[in-house]
Amino acid sequence: MFLLAKKEFFFKILCALLFLTLHCSASYSNYYFQVGEASYSRLCSRKKILTVNGQYPGPTLYVRKGETIFVTVHNKGRYNVSIHWHGVKQPRNPWSDGPQYITQCPIQPGAKFKQKVVFSEEEGTLWWHAHSDWSRATVHGAIIIYPMLGTKYPFPTPSLDVPIILGEWWKRDVMEVFKEFRLTGEPQLSDSFTINGQPGDLYTCSKSGTFDLLVDEGKTYLLRIINAAMNEILFLSVAEHKLIVVGADASYTKPLTCDYIAIGPGQTIDALLHANQNPDNKYYMVARAYSSNPTITFNNSTTTAIIEYKKDYHSLSLSPIIPQLPNYSDTNAAFNFFSSLRSLSTKEHPVPLKINAYIISTISLNTFPCSPNRRCEGPNGTRLAASMNNISFESPSSIDVLEAYYCHINGVFGYRFPSTPPLAYNFTAPLLPLSLQIPRKGTEAKVLRFNAAVEIVFQGTRLLGGIDHPMHLHGYSFYVVGWGFGNFDKSRDPKNYNLVDPPLRNTVSVPINGWTAIRFQAYNPGVWLLHCHLQRHISWGMETVLIVKNGKNREDQLLPPPPDMPPC
């Protein structure tokens, strides 16, 4: 026993020395994130919220393509926290990816964790956010990734970058909302949406704090739009102005001129705004929910910002012009936008054509019987749940999946996530047996060999009526090659795939009672979370883990853990 403990001790020392050798041989930018409480006033109420460096939204990170930075996260709050760099692939380095109990134990109050954030192929707009319970409601911020020195945008250089962060606000402490949600299974709706932390002047007591963007007539602005909302896909529009989409999820797209955008939680859109309208007027930027299932309650309010032209004289215009947005439940409008995006080029990273790893996964809303002494708010007194391939994921609580995988610790998770739905039925039939609503609980992962060409089909179901799901994969971007309504047909639907210029994304919206197909090359070894980015759905268990094995060459293998990984 002594010899085994001694061996493990020296193994950890060796890992730490190897990490320092590999990670500290160059000069990197260093940032400091202090997580703690700050007092904010919104909607006629004042409360303390969890913030980073006292800011809401948090600080914007400015980097260049291919840069590596270190961010020291110091938790001075009351709750455990972890930070995820959403859409950053982190080549071979899942140790700093962030989701608690998946790639790390959370950072406990008073503790620090120095995270290495490796930017590789990403260019455009991403974001960072807490990946611990519901703290990402206020703990989030933008990441702007500029082109490498000596290169430029594939469009005319804009006059100014403007982060537009869409969020949700609760009058109550969001951690209290989360605690109540864990007891009842149904979350309280937010009280407002926000643009750059402000609800806008359509809400009571918010007029003075409305975000106001001053523009010069004739200039072009790059709006870096991020949906940091917890539970809603959103429509966004600017009155009298077209938006020209040029990027999505830190990948450039062919220019798309549109009157509105649809953006799911986790997604980013880069859009050019030409200041070419009457400078005497003010113009609203507005955002509100897209929610396809009329039986599911949602926040139906509207958040606003104001676009105002700079001028040397007083304008008589007092009321901003309001734009038109699609109806709350307009699925065709949402997916007309999603399906219109096209990648700029696929020559450097072509779409995988010969697939050798195939997964089809149902994504479902479910129910469990209500536990004794609980007040459950699901149908007929049941407890609401969610699942992938009929497995409602249960996160570990004493050790994270990555450490268990790396150190060969048994009993933390299993390797039996199925490649196809274990229950075959008409997934989108209008009437489904109640027996199908109950999934099994488990902590199951799917193993992929290194560099496998992977296709995943997300199949929505009509259990509990269904709804759209924004599915996010950590560690990768993927090509969205197809989508449709109804049940996926393996023999028919792939014939209509776009394998020429599909959009490259890290988060994709799956339509209500429909399916979406994605493809990617599994070149990034490690443990990577796959989940719905609606916070209530991941809390209910709509997630799994993909484990990509090491390649044969040293540069294709998982790096060792850093010496300061947070303990559980």
Protein backbone atom coordinates (compact mmCIF):
# COMPACT_ATOMS: atom_id res chain seq x y z
CA MET A 1 0.00 0.00 0.00
CA PHE A 2 2.87 2.38 0.87
CA LEU A 3 4.59 1.65 -2.44
CA LEU A 4 1.35 2.31 -4.35
CA ALA A 5 0.81 5.64 -2.56
CA LYS A 6 4.42 6.59 -3.22
CA LYS A 7 4.02 5.73 -6.90
CA GLU A 8 0.86 7.85 -7.18
CA PHE A 9 2.62 10.76 -5.44
CA PHE A 10 5.54 10.74 -7.86
CA PHE A 11 3.13 10.36 -10.78
CA LYS A 12 1.34 13.57 -9.72
CA ILE A 13 4.68 15.40 -9.36
CA LEU A 14 5.70 14.22 -12.83
CA CYS A 15 2.37 15.39 -14.30
CA ALA A 16 2.79 18.81 -12.69
CA LEU A 17 6.37 19.20 -14.00
CA LEU A 18 5.29 18.11 -17.48
CA PHE A 19 2.40 20.58 -17.40
CA LEU A 20 4.69 23.44 -16.38
CA THR A 21 7.19 22.51 -19.11
CA LEU A 22 4.54 22.37 -21.81
CA HIS A 23 2.48 25.31 -20.63
CA CYS A 24 5.03 27.83 -19.38
CA SER A 25 7.60 27.86 -22.17
CA ALA A 26 6.10 30.98 -23.76
CA SER A 27 4.85 34.39 -22.67
CA TYR A 28 1.08 34.59 -22.35
CA SER A 29 -1.44 37.29 -21.48
CA ASN A 30 -2.77 37.02 -17.93
CA TYR A 31 -6.22 38.05 -16.73
CA TYR A 32 -7.80 38.07 -13.28
CA PHE A 33 -11.45 37.22 -12.57
CA GLN A 34 -12.70 37.93 -9.07
CA VAL A 35 -16.08 36.29 -8.55
CA GLY A 36 -18.10 37.96 -5.83
CA GLU A 37 -21.32 39.74 -4.95
CA ALA A 38 -22.18 43.26 -6.03
CA SER A 39 -25.34 45.31 -5.57
CA TYR A 40 -27.43 46.14 -8.65
CA SER A 41 -30.77 47.92 -9.19
CA ARG A 42 -33.20 46.69 -11.85
CA LEU A 43 -37.01 46.74 -12.19
CA CYS A 44 -37.62 48.88 -9.09
CA SER A 45 -35.66 46.47 -6.91
CA ARG A 46 -32.13 46.32 -5.56
CA LYS A 47 -30.30 43.10 -4.79
CA LYS A 48 -26.86 41.55 -4.62
CA ILE A 49 -25.86 39.40 -7.54
CA LEU A 50 -22.85 37.26 -8.34
CA THR A 51 -20.50 39.12 -10.70
CA VAL A 52 -16.96 39.02 -12.07
CA ASN A 53 -14.79 42.03 -11.16
CA GLY A 54 -17.97 43.76 -9.95
CA GLN A 55 -19.39 43.98 -13.49
CA TYR A 56 -22.69 42.82 -14.99
CA PRO A 57 -22.25 41.66 -17.68
CA GLY A 58 -18.69 40.71 -16.87
CA PRO A 59 -15.48 41.98 -18.52
CA THR A 60 -14.92 41.46 -22.24
CA LEU A 61 -11.82 39.50 -23.24
CA TYR A 62 -9.99 40.76 -26.33
CA VAL A 63 -7.69 38.24 -28.03
CA ARG A 64 -6.35 37.37 -31.47
CA LYS A 65 -6.84 34.15 -33.38
CA GLY A 66 -4.37 31.51 -32.19
CA GLU A 67 -3.52 33.31 -28.94
CA THR A 68 -3.26 31.60 -25.56
CA ILE A 69 -4.19 33.39 -22.34
CA PHE A 70 -4.29 32.53 -18.65
CA VAL A 71 -7.25 33.57 -16.51
CA THR A 72 -6.95 33.27 -12.74
CA VAL A 73 -10.45 32.75 -11.33
CA HIS A 74 -10.63 33.74 -7.65
CA ASN A 75 -13.90 32.77 -6.01
CA LYS A 76 -14.80 35.31 -3.32
CA GLY A 77 -18.50 34.45 -3.44
CA ARG A 78 -20.62 32.25 -1.19
CA TYR A 79 -21.18 29.45 -3.71
CA ASN A 80 -19.05 27.03 -5.67
CA VAL A 81 -18.35 28.28 -9.18
CA SER A 82 -16.67 27.22 -12.42
CA ILE A 83 -16.03 29.15 -15.65
CA HIS A 84 -16.53 27.79 -19.19
CA TRP A 85 -15.06 29.41 -22.31
CA HIS A 86 -18.00 28.76 -24.60
CA GLY A 87 -16.97 27.73 -28.11
CA VAL A 88 -13.23 27.74 -27.35
CA LYS A 89 -11.99 24.32 -28.49
CA GLN A 90 -9.15 24.08 -25.95
CA PRO A 91 -7.04 21.63 -28.01
CA ARG A 92 -6.00 18.68 -25.83
CA ASN A 93 -6.79 20.77 -22.75
CA PRO A 94 -10.24 19.93 -21.36
CA TRP A 95 -8.82 20.61 -17.88
CA SER A 96 -9.70 24.29 -18.34
CA ASP A 97 -13.02 23.78 -20.15
CA GLY A 98 -15.02 24.46 -17.00
CA PRO A 99 -18.26 22.45 -16.53
CA GLN A 100 -18.39 21.39 -12.90
CA TYR A 101 -18.08 17.66 -12.18
CA ILE A 102 -17.45 17.00 -15.87
CA THR A 103 -13.94 18.40 -16.46
CA GLN A 104 -13.25 19.85 -13.02
CA CYS A 105 -14.52 20.07 -9.51
CA PRO A 106 -15.96 23.53 -8.82
CA ILE A 107 -13.84 26.34 -7.40
CA GLN A 108 -14.86 26.55 -3.76
CA PRO A 109 -15.36 29.85 -1.91
CA GLY A 110 -11.98 31.42 -1.18
CA ALA A 111 -10.10 29.25 -3.70
CA LYS A 112 -8.38 30.07 -7.02
CA PHE A 113 -7.87 28.23 -10.31
CA LYS A 114 -5.57 29.44 -13.08
CA GLN A 115 -7.21 28.37 -16.34
CA LYS A 116 -5.29 28.13 -19.59
CA VAL A 117 -7.52 29.23 -22.46
CA VAL A 118 -6.19 28.11 -25.85
CA PHE A 119 -7.63 29.80 -28.93
CA SER A 120 -6.99 27.94 -32.17
CA GLU A 121 -9.31 28.17 -35.19
CA GLU A 122 -11.91 30.51 -33.68
CA GLU A 123 -12.30 34.03 -35.08
CA GLY A 124 -15.18 36.36 -34.34
CA THR A 125 -17.36 36.41 -31.22
CA LEU A 126 -17.65 33.91 -28.38
CA TRP A 127 -18.40 34.28 -24.70
CA TRP A 128 -17.52 32.95 -21.26
CA HIS A 129 -19.94 32.01 -18.51
CA ALA A 130 -20.28 30.17 -15.24
CA HIS A 131 -20.96 26.46 -15.68
CA SER A 132 -22.13 25.77 -12.14
CA ASP A 133 -25.79 25.53 -11.17
CA TRP A 134 -27.63 28.71 -12.32
CA SER A 135 -24.89 31.23 -11.60
CA ARG A 136 -24.36 31.92 -15.31
CA ALA A 137 -27.48 34.15 -15.15
CA THR A 138 -25.19 36.98 -14.03
CA VAL A 139 -21.69 35.52 -14.42
CA HIS A 140 -20.95 35.90 -18.12
CA GLY A 141 -19.18 38.14 -20.62
CA ALA A 142 -18.06 38.50 -24.22
CA ILE A 143 -14.92 37.22 -25.96
CA ILE A 144 -13.86 39.13 -29.07
CA ILE A 145 -11.35 37.24 -31.24
CA TYR A 146 -9.67 39.48 -33.80
CA PRO A 147 -7.89 38.21 -36.92
CA MET A 148 -4.20 37.35 -36.65
CA LEU A 149 -1.78 40.22 -37.18
CA GLY A 150 -1.24 40.68 -40.89
CA THR A 151 -4.71 39.37 -41.79
CA LYS A 152 -8.06 41.13 -41.91
CA TYR A 153 -11.82 40.58 -41.91
CA PRO A 154 -13.43 39.08 -45.03
CA PHE A 155 -15.63 42.20 -45.10
CA PRO A 156 -14.91 45.96 -44.87
CA THR A 157 -13.45 46.87 -41.49
CA PRO A 158 -16.23 48.34 -39.31
CA SER A 159 -15.93 51.66 -37.52
CA LEU A 160 -16.60 50.10 -34.12
CA ASP A 161 -17.21 46.73 -32.41
CA VAL A 162 -20.27 46.72 -30.16
CA PRO A 163 -20.95 43.71 -27.88
CA ILE A 164 -24.70 43.11 -27.55
CA ILE A 165 -25.29 40.64 -24.71
CA LEU A 166 -28.85 39.38 -24.32
CA GLY A 167 -29.71 38.10 -20.84
CA GLU A 168 -32.44 37.38 -18.32
CA TRP A 169 -33.12 39.08 -15.00
CA TRP A 170 -34.91 37.86 -11.90
CA LYS A 171 -35.98 40.25 -9.15
CA ARG A 172 -35.18 37.47 -6.69
CA ASP A 173 -31.75 36.03 -5.99
CA VAL A 174 -31.25 33.58 -8.85
CA MET A 175 -29.69 31.03 -6.48
CA GLU A 176 -32.91 31.10 -4.47
CA VAL A 177 -34.80 30.54 -7.73
CA PHE A 178 -32.49 27.58 -8.39
CA LYS A 179 -33.05 26.10 -4.91
CA GLU A 180 -36.82 26.34 -5.37
CA PHE A 181 -36.47 24.79 -8.83
CA ARG A 182 -34.64 21.80 -7.33
CA LEU A 183 -37.50 21.27 -4.89
CA THR A 184 -40.43 21.65 -7.30
CA GLY A 185 -38.87 20.73 -10.66
CA GLU A 186 -40.28 23.85 -12.36
CA PRO A 187 -38.33 27.14 -12.51
CA GLN A 188 -39.83 30.55 -11.87
CA LEU A 189 -39.95 32.63 -15.04
CA SER A 190 -37.53 35.55 -15.28
CA ASP A 191 -38.98 39.03 -14.78
CA SER A 192 -37.30 40.57 -17.81
CA PHE A 193 -34.82 40.15 -20.62
CA THR A 194 -31.85 42.49 -20.84
CA ILE A 195 -29.56 44.07 -23.43
CA ASN A 196 -26.10 44.68 -22.00
CA GLY A 197 -27.50 44.28 -18.50
CA GLN A 198 -30.41 46.72 -18.95
CA PRO A 199 -34.07 45.69 -19.33
CA GLY A 200 -34.96 48.72 -21.47
CA ASP A 201 -37.57 51.43 -21.19
CA LEU A 202 -40.62 49.22 -21.80
CA TYR A 203 -40.18 47.87 -18.27
CA THR A 204 -41.18 49.87 -15.20
CA CYS A 205 -38.34 51.85 -13.62
CA SER A 206 -35.85 51.01 -16.38
CA LYS A 207 -36.02 54.01 -18.71
CA SER A 208 -32.97 55.81 -17.32
CA GLY A 209 -30.77 52.73 -17.62
CA THR A 210 -31.63 51.74 -21.18
CA PHE A 211 -28.55 50.91 -23.27
CA ASP A 212 -28.08 53.69 -25.84
CA LEU A 213 -25.81 53.20 -28.87
CA LEU A 214 -24.68 56.47 -30.43
CA VAL A 215 -23.76 56.13 -34.12
CA ASP A 216 -22.31 58.41 -36.80
CA GLU A 217 -24.33 58.72 -39.99
CA GLY A 218 -22.70 56.78 -42.81
CA LYS A 219 -20.53 54.55 -40.63
CA THR A 220 -20.75 50.77 -40.18
CA TYR A 221 -20.87 49.00 -36.82
CA LEU A 222 -20.15 45.35 -36.07
CA LEU A 223 -22.74 44.10 -33.57
CA ARG A 224 -21.33 41.11 -31.69
CA ILE A 225 -24.59 39.56 -30.48
CA ILE A 226 -24.55 36.94 -27.71
CA ASN A 227 -27.56 35.11 -26.31
CA ALA A 228 -26.67 34.68 -22.64
CA ALA A 229 -30.32 34.13 -21.66
CA MET A 230 -30.98 31.11 -19.49
CA ASN A 231 -34.07 29.56 -21.00
CA GLU A 232 -35.24 31.25 -24.20
CA ILE A 233 -34.37 31.39 -27.89
CA LEU A 234 -34.76 35.04 -28.94
CA PHE A 235 -35.69 37.11 -31.96
CA LEU A 236 -33.84 40.42 -32.39
CA SER A 237 -34.35 43.32 -34.80
CA VAL A 238 -33.38 46.99 -35.26
CA ALA A 239 -36.06 49.39 -36.51
CA GLU A 240 -35.62 50.61 -40.10
CA HIS A 241 -32.16 49.01 -40.35
CA LYS A 242 -31.10 45.82 -42.07
CA LEU A 243 -28.69 43.48 -40.31
CA ILE A 244 -25.99 41.87 -42.46
CA VAL A 245 -24.90 38.65 -40.78
CA VAL A 246 -21.20 37.91 -41.43
CA GLY A 247 -20.40 35.40 -38.70
CA ALA A 248 -21.87 32.88 -36.28
CA ASP A 249 -20.22 31.13 -33.32
CA ALA A 250 -16.75 32.54 -34.18
CA SER A 251 -16.85 31.37 -37.79
CA TYR A 252 -17.40 33.66 -40.76
CA THR A 253 -20.44 33.21 -42.97
CA LYS A 254 -21.46 34.39 -46.39
CA PRO A 255 -23.13 37.80 -45.93
CA LEU A 256 -26.84 37.42 -45.18
CA THR A 257 -29.05 40.53 -45.19
CA CYS A 258 -32.09 40.19 -42.95
CA ASP A 259 -34.73 42.12 -41.04
CA TYR A 260 -34.30 40.02 -37.88
CA ILE A 261 -32.17 37.27 -36.42
CA ALA A 262 -33.04 34.25 -34.31
CA ILE A 263 -30.44 33.27 -31.72
CA GLY A 264 -30.49 30.43 -29.22
CA PRO A 265 -28.90 30.43 -25.75
CA GLY A 266 -25.17 29.92 -26.22
CA GLN A 267 -25.10 31.13 -29.81
CA THR A 268 -23.38 34.25 -31.14
CA ILE A 269 -24.04 36.27 -34.29
CA ASP A 270 -21.78 38.88 -35.89
CA ALA A 271 -23.88 41.38 -37.84
CA LEU A 272 -23.02 44.63 -39.62
CA LEU A 273 -25.29 47.62 -39.03
CA HIS A 274 -25.03 50.45 -41.54
CA ALA A 275 -26.04 53.79 -39.99
CA ASN A 276 -27.86 54.93 -43.13
CA GLN A 277 -31.29 56.04 -41.91
CA ASN A 278 -32.83 59.42 -41.02
CA PRO A 279 -30.56 60.86 -38.29
CA ASP A 280 -33.44 62.85 -36.81
CA ASN A 281 -35.10 59.68 -35.55
CA LYS A 282 -34.28 57.29 -32.73
CA TYR A 283 -34.56 53.56 -33.38
CA TYR A 284 -35.30 50.66 -31.06
CA MET A 285 -33.28 47.49 -31.00
CA VAL A 286 -35.68 44.92 -29.54
CA ALA A 287 -35.48 41.29 -28.47
CA ARG A 288 -38.13 38.91 -27.26
CA ALA A 289 -38.69 35.18 -26.95
CA TYR A 290 -39.36 32.58 -29.59
CA SER A 291 -41.28 29.74 -27.91
CA SER A 292 -42.87 27.09 -30.11
CA ASN A 293 -44.94 25.08 -27.61
CA PRO A 294 -48.06 27.00 -26.48
CA THR A 295 -48.47 24.74 -23.43
CA ILE A 296 -45.12 25.83 -21.98
CA THR A 297 -45.12 29.17 -20.18
CA PHE A 298 -42.38 31.64 -21.06
CA ASN A 299 -41.35 35.24 -20.48
CA ASN A 300 -43.28 37.16 -23.15
CA SER A 301 -41.85 40.59 -22.37
CA THR A 302 -39.66 42.68 -24.69
CA THR A 303 -36.27 44.20 -23.97
CA THR A 304 -35.05 47.30 -25.79
CA ALA A 305 -31.97 49.36 -26.54
CA ILE A 306 -31.86 52.62 -28.48
CA ILE A 307 -29.90 53.44 -31.63
CA GLU A 308 -29.37 57.21 -31.79
CA TYR A 309 -27.47 59.25 -34.37
CA LYS A 310 -24.89 61.81 -33.24
CA LYS A 311 -25.74 65.32 -34.42
CA ASP A 312 -25.07 68.96 -33.63
CA TYR A 313 -28.70 69.97 -33.25
CA HIS A 314 -31.66 68.99 -31.10
CA SER A 315 -33.99 66.38 -32.59
CA LEU A 316 -37.76 66.72 -32.31
CA SER A 317 -38.13 62.95 -32.27
CA LEU A 318 -39.01 61.75 -28.76
CA SER A 319 -40.30 58.21 -29.21
CA PRO A 320 -38.02 55.65 -30.88
CA ILE A 321 -39.38 53.75 -33.88
CA ILE A 322 -40.35 50.16 -33.02
CA PRO A 323 -39.42 47.32 -35.42
CA GLN A 324 -41.58 44.37 -36.36
CA LEU A 325 -40.61 40.95 -35.01
CA PRO A 326 -42.00 37.51 -35.88
CA ASN A 327 -44.70 36.13 -33.62
CA TYR A 328 -43.55 34.39 -30.44
CA SER A 329 -44.38 30.95 -31.86
CA ASP A 330 -43.26 31.47 -35.47
CA THR A 331 -41.15 28.34 -35.99
CA ASN A 332 -40.90 28.95 -39.74
CA ALA A 333 -39.41 32.40 -39.15
CA ALA A 334 -36.84 31.04 -36.68
CA PHE A 335 -35.69 28.20 -38.91
CA ASN A 336 -35.81 30.23 -42.09
CA PHE A 337 -33.08 32.28 -40.45
CA PHE A 338 -31.11 29.34 -39.06
CA SER A 339 -31.18 27.48 -42.39
CA SER A 340 -30.15 30.54 -44.42
CA LEU A 341 -26.67 30.70 -42.88
CA ARG A 342 -23.84 29.43 -45.08
CA SER A 343 -20.18 29.02 -44.23
CA LEU A 344 -17.70 31.25 -46.02
CA SER A 345 -15.33 28.47 -46.97
CA THR A 346 -14.82 24.81 -46.18
CA LYS A 347 -11.53 24.29 -48.05
CA GLU A 348 -9.30 24.28 -44.98
CA HIS A 349 -11.66 22.11 -42.92
CA PRO A 350 -13.92 20.23 -45.29
CA VAL A 351 -17.17 18.61 -44.23
CA PRO A 352 -16.58 14.93 -43.35
CA LEU A 353 -18.03 12.85 -46.17
CA LYS A 354 -17.24 9.27 -45.14
CA ILE A 355 -18.80 8.79 -41.72
CA ASN A 356 -17.44 6.03 -39.49
CA ALA A 357 -19.04 7.03 -36.16
CA TYR A 358 -22.79 7.48 -36.23
CA ILE A 359 -25.03 8.53 -33.33
CA ILE A 360 -28.73 9.25 -33.33
CA SER A 361 -30.06 10.56 -30.04
CA THR A 362 -33.56 11.42 -28.98
CA ILE A 363 -33.82 14.62 -26.94
CA SER A 364 -36.92 14.54 -24.80
CA LEU A 365 -38.80 16.18 -21.99
CA ASN A 366 -39.81 13.55 -19.44
CA THR A 367 -41.28 13.00 -16.00
CA PHE A 368 -40.40 11.04 -12.88
CA PRO A 369 -42.78 10.07 -10.09
CA CYS A 370 -42.75 12.73 -7.39
CA SER A 371 -40.60 11.92 -4.36
CA PRO A 372 -42.28 11.89 -0.95
CA ASN A 373 -42.46 15.21 0.89
CA ARG A 374 -41.90 17.21 -2.30
CA ARG A 375 -44.18 19.56 -4.22
CA CYS A 376 -43.76 18.53 -7.85
CA GLU A 377 -45.20 20.73 -10.59
CA GLY A 378 -45.13 18.39 -13.58
CA PRO A 379 -48.24 16.86 -15.22
CA ASN A 380 -50.44 15.01 -12.74
CA GLY A 381 -48.12 15.82 -9.88
CA THR A 382 -45.02 14.32 -11.50
CA ARG A 383 -41.49 15.68 -11.43
CA LEU A 384 -40.22 17.14 -14.71
CA ALA A 385 -37.09 15.66 -16.28
CA ALA A 386 -35.21 15.56 -19.58
CA SER A 387 -33.09 12.98 -21.36
CA MET A 388 -30.92 11.98 -24.29
CA ASN A 389 -31.62 8.50 -25.67
CA ASN A 390 -33.90 7.91 -22.70
CA ILE A 391 -31.11 8.50 -20.15
CA SER A 392 -31.50 11.41 -17.74
CA PHE A 393 -27.91 12.34 -16.91
CA GLU A 394 -26.83 12.42 -13.28
CA SER A 395 -23.66 14.42 -12.62
CA PRO A 396 -21.09 13.02 -10.20
CA SER A 397 -20.70 14.92 -6.96
CA SER A 398 -17.39 13.80 -5.48
CA ILE A 399 -15.06 13.51 -8.48
CA ASP A 400 -15.31 14.82 -12.03
CA VAL A 401 -15.60 12.63 -15.14
CA LEU A 402 -12.31 13.85 -16.68
CA GLU A 403 -10.22 12.95 -13.63
CA ALA A 404 -11.97 9.59 -13.36
CA TYR A 405 -11.22 8.88 -17.02
CA TYR A 406 -7.63 10.11 -16.90
CA CYS A 407 -6.78 8.28 -13.66
CA HIS A 408 -8.79 5.11 -14.48
CA ILE A 409 -11.09 5.47 -11.47
CA ASN A 410 -14.05 3.10 -11.71
CA GLY A 411 -17.60 3.73 -10.55
CA VAL A 412 -17.84 7.42 -11.44
CA PHE A 413 -19.40 7.03 -14.90
CA GLY A 414 -20.19 4.37 -17.46
CA TYR A 415 -19.37 3.91 -21.15
CA ARG A 416 -22.81 2.76 -22.25
CA PHE A 417 -24.45 5.76 -23.83
CA PRO A 418 -26.31 4.12 -26.75
CA SER A 419 -25.60 5.04 -30.37
CA THR A 420 -29.31 4.72 -31.21
CA PRO A 421 -32.50 5.24 -29.20
CA PRO A 422 -33.09 2.22 -26.95
CA LEU A 423 -36.84 2.66 -27.45
CA ALA A 424 -38.09 2.72 -31.03
CA TYR A 425 -41.43 4.46 -31.58
CA ASN A 426 -42.97 7.23 -33.66
CA PHE A 427 -41.06 10.01 -31.90
CA THR A 428 -43.24 12.86 -33.16
CA ALA A 429 -46.65 11.19 -33.04
CA PRO A 430 -49.34 13.47 -31.59
CA LEU A 431 -50.38 10.90 -28.95
CA LEU A 432 -47.68 8.98 -27.10
CA PRO A 433 -48.11 6.46 -24.23
CA LEU A 434 -47.44 7.80 -20.74
CA SER A 435 -45.03 4.90 -20.15
CA LEU A 436 -42.57 6.50 -22.58
CA GLN A 437 -42.27 9.59 -20.39
CA ILE A 438 -40.15 7.94 -17.71
CA PRO A 439 -36.42 7.70 -18.60
CA ARG A 440 -33.73 5.90 -16.66
CA LYS A 441 -31.18 7.79 -14.61
CA GLY A 442 -27.51 7.31 -15.35
CA THR A 443 -24.05 8.81 -15.87
CA GLU A 444 -23.16 7.37 -19.26
CA ALA A 445 -20.53 8.51 -21.78
CA LYS A 446 -19.93 7.74 -25.46
CA VAL A 447 -16.38 6.87 -26.53
CA LEU A 448 -15.09 7.93 -29.96
CA ARG A 449 -11.79 6.90 -31.49
CA PHE A 450 -9.36 9.67 -32.35
CA ASN A 451 -10.04 11.43 -35.67
CA ALA A 452 -13.28 9.57 -36.28
CA ALA A 453 -15.64 11.21 -38.78
CA VAL A 454 -18.75 11.69 -36.64
CA GLU A 455 -22.38 12.33 -37.51
CA ILE A 456 -24.90 13.02 -34.75
CA VAL A 457 -28.61 13.31 -35.45
CA PHE A 458 -30.61 14.98 -32.68
CA GLN A 459 -34.18 13.69 -32.85
CA GLY A 460 -36.76 15.72 -30.95
CA THR A 461 -39.78 13.94 -29.54
CA ARG A 462 -43.31 15.04 -28.77
CA LEU A 463 -43.20 13.77 -25.21
CA LEU A 464 -44.87 16.48 -23.10
CA GLY A 465 -45.50 18.31 -26.36
CA GLY A 466 -41.82 18.91 -27.20
CA ILE A 467 -40.01 22.18 -27.79
CA ASP A 468 -36.90 23.46 -29.61
CA HIS A 469 -33.53 22.54 -28.12
CA PRO A 470 -30.25 24.49 -28.59
CA MET A 471 -27.67 21.69 -28.38
CA HIS A 472 -24.07 22.65 -27.50
CA LEU A 473 -20.93 20.52 -27.87
CA HIS A 474 -17.83 21.44 -25.89
CA GLY A 475 -14.38 21.13 -27.48
CA TYR A 476 -15.61 21.29 -31.07
CA SER A 477 -17.37 23.25 -33.75
CA PHE A 478 -19.47 21.18 -36.14
CA TYR A 479 -21.15 21.51 -39.51
CA VAL A 480 -24.94 21.68 -39.48
CA VAL A 481 -25.62 19.56 -42.56
CA GLY A 482 -29.38 19.07 -42.34
CA TRP A 483 -32.59 19.52 -40.43
CA GLY A 484 -36.30 18.84 -40.81
CA PHE A 485 -39.62 18.24 -39.13
CA GLY A 486 -40.99 14.86 -38.11
CA ASN A 487 -38.93 11.70 -37.75
CA PHE A 488 -35.46 11.48 -39.28
CA ASP A 489 -35.35 9.05 -42.22
CA LYS A 490 -31.85 7.57 -42.55
CA SER A 491 -32.40 6.43 -46.12
CA ARG A 492 -34.05 9.61 -47.42
CA ASP A 493 -33.01 12.69 -45.45
CA PRO A 494 -29.19 12.50 -45.96
CA LYS A 495 -29.77 12.90 -49.70
CA ASN A 496 -30.78 16.50 -48.98
CA TYR A 497 -27.80 17.34 -46.76
CA ASN A 498 -25.80 20.47 -47.49
CA LEU A 499 -22.24 19.13 -47.77
CA VAL A 500 -20.92 22.14 -49.71
CA ASP A 501 -21.22 25.20 -47.46
CA PRO A 502 -23.08 24.29 -44.24
CA PRO A 503 -22.67 26.68 -41.30
CA LEU A 504 -19.96 25.86 -38.75
CA ARG A 505 -21.36 26.24 -35.25
CA ASN A 506 -20.88 25.11 -31.65
CA THR A 507 -24.58 25.34 -30.69
CA VAL A 508 -27.45 24.29 -32.95
CA SER A 509 -31.21 24.67 -32.55
CA VAL A 510 -33.22 21.49 -33.08
CA PRO A 511 -36.79 22.31 -34.18
CA ILE A 512 -39.83 21.31 -32.18
CA ASN A 513 -40.89 17.78 -33.17
CA GLY A 514 -38.05 17.63 -35.69
CA TRP A 515 -34.39 16.73 -36.13
CA THR A 516 -30.99 18.25 -36.89
CA ALA A 517 -27.86 16.52 -38.22
CA ILE A 518 -24.30 17.64 -37.50
CA ARG A 519 -20.86 16.40 -38.60
CA PHE A 520 -17.33 16.90 -37.25
CA GLN A 521 -13.90 15.27 -37.16
CA ALA A 522 -12.97 14.01 -33.69
CA TYR A 523 -9.43 15.41 -33.64
CA ASN A 524 -9.52 16.84 -30.08
CA PRO A 525 -8.86 14.16 -27.43
CA GLY A 526 -10.51 14.54 -24.04
CA VAL A 527 -13.80 14.58 -22.19
CA TRP A 528 -16.38 16.91 -23.72
CA LEU A 529 -19.88 17.73 -22.53
CA LEU A 530 -22.83 17.62 -24.96
CA HIS A 531 -26.01 19.23 -23.66
CA CYS A 532 -29.05 21.40 -24.23
CA HIS A 533 -28.25 25.04 -23.46
CA LEU A 534 -31.68 25.75 -21.99
CA GLN A 535 -30.67 25.85 -18.34
CA ARG A 536 -33.78 24.09 -17.09
CA HIS A 537 -33.21 21.22 -19.54
CA ILE A 538 -29.58 20.57 -18.57
CA SER A 539 -30.68 20.79 -14.94
CA TRP A 540 -33.27 18.12 -15.71
CA GLY A 541 -30.67 15.83 -17.32
CA MET A 542 -30.55 16.57 -21.08
CA GLU A 543 -26.81 15.96 -21.44
CA THR A 544 -24.17 13.33 -22.01
CA VAL A 545 -20.38 13.15 -22.36
CA LEU A 546 -18.30 12.38 -25.44
CA ILE A 547 -14.86 10.91 -24.73
CA VAL A 548 -12.41 11.18 -27.62
CA LYS A 549 -9.49 8.80 -27.22
CA ASN A 550 -5.84 9.73 -27.72
CA GLY A 551 -4.20 9.52 -31.11
CA LYS A 552 -0.92 7.68 -31.71
CA ASN A 553 1.29 10.76 -31.93
CA ARG A 554 2.26 12.81 -28.89
CA GLU A 555 0.69 15.97 -30.35
CA ASP A 556 -2.62 14.09 -30.61
CA GLN A 557 -2.80 13.13 -26.96
CA LEU A 558 -4.47 14.63 -23.92
CA LEU A 559 -2.23 16.96 -21.92
CA PRO A 560 -1.64 16.17 -18.22
CA PRO A 561 -3.63 18.06 -15.59
CA PRO A 562 -2.37 21.39 -14.22
CA PRO A 563 -1.03 21.31 -10.66
CA ASP A 564 -3.77 23.51 -9.19
CA MET A 565 -6.92 21.65 -10.27
CA PRO A 566 -9.71 22.43 -7.76
CA PRO A 567 -10.38 19.61 -5.30
CA CYS A 568 -13.86 18.32 -4.64
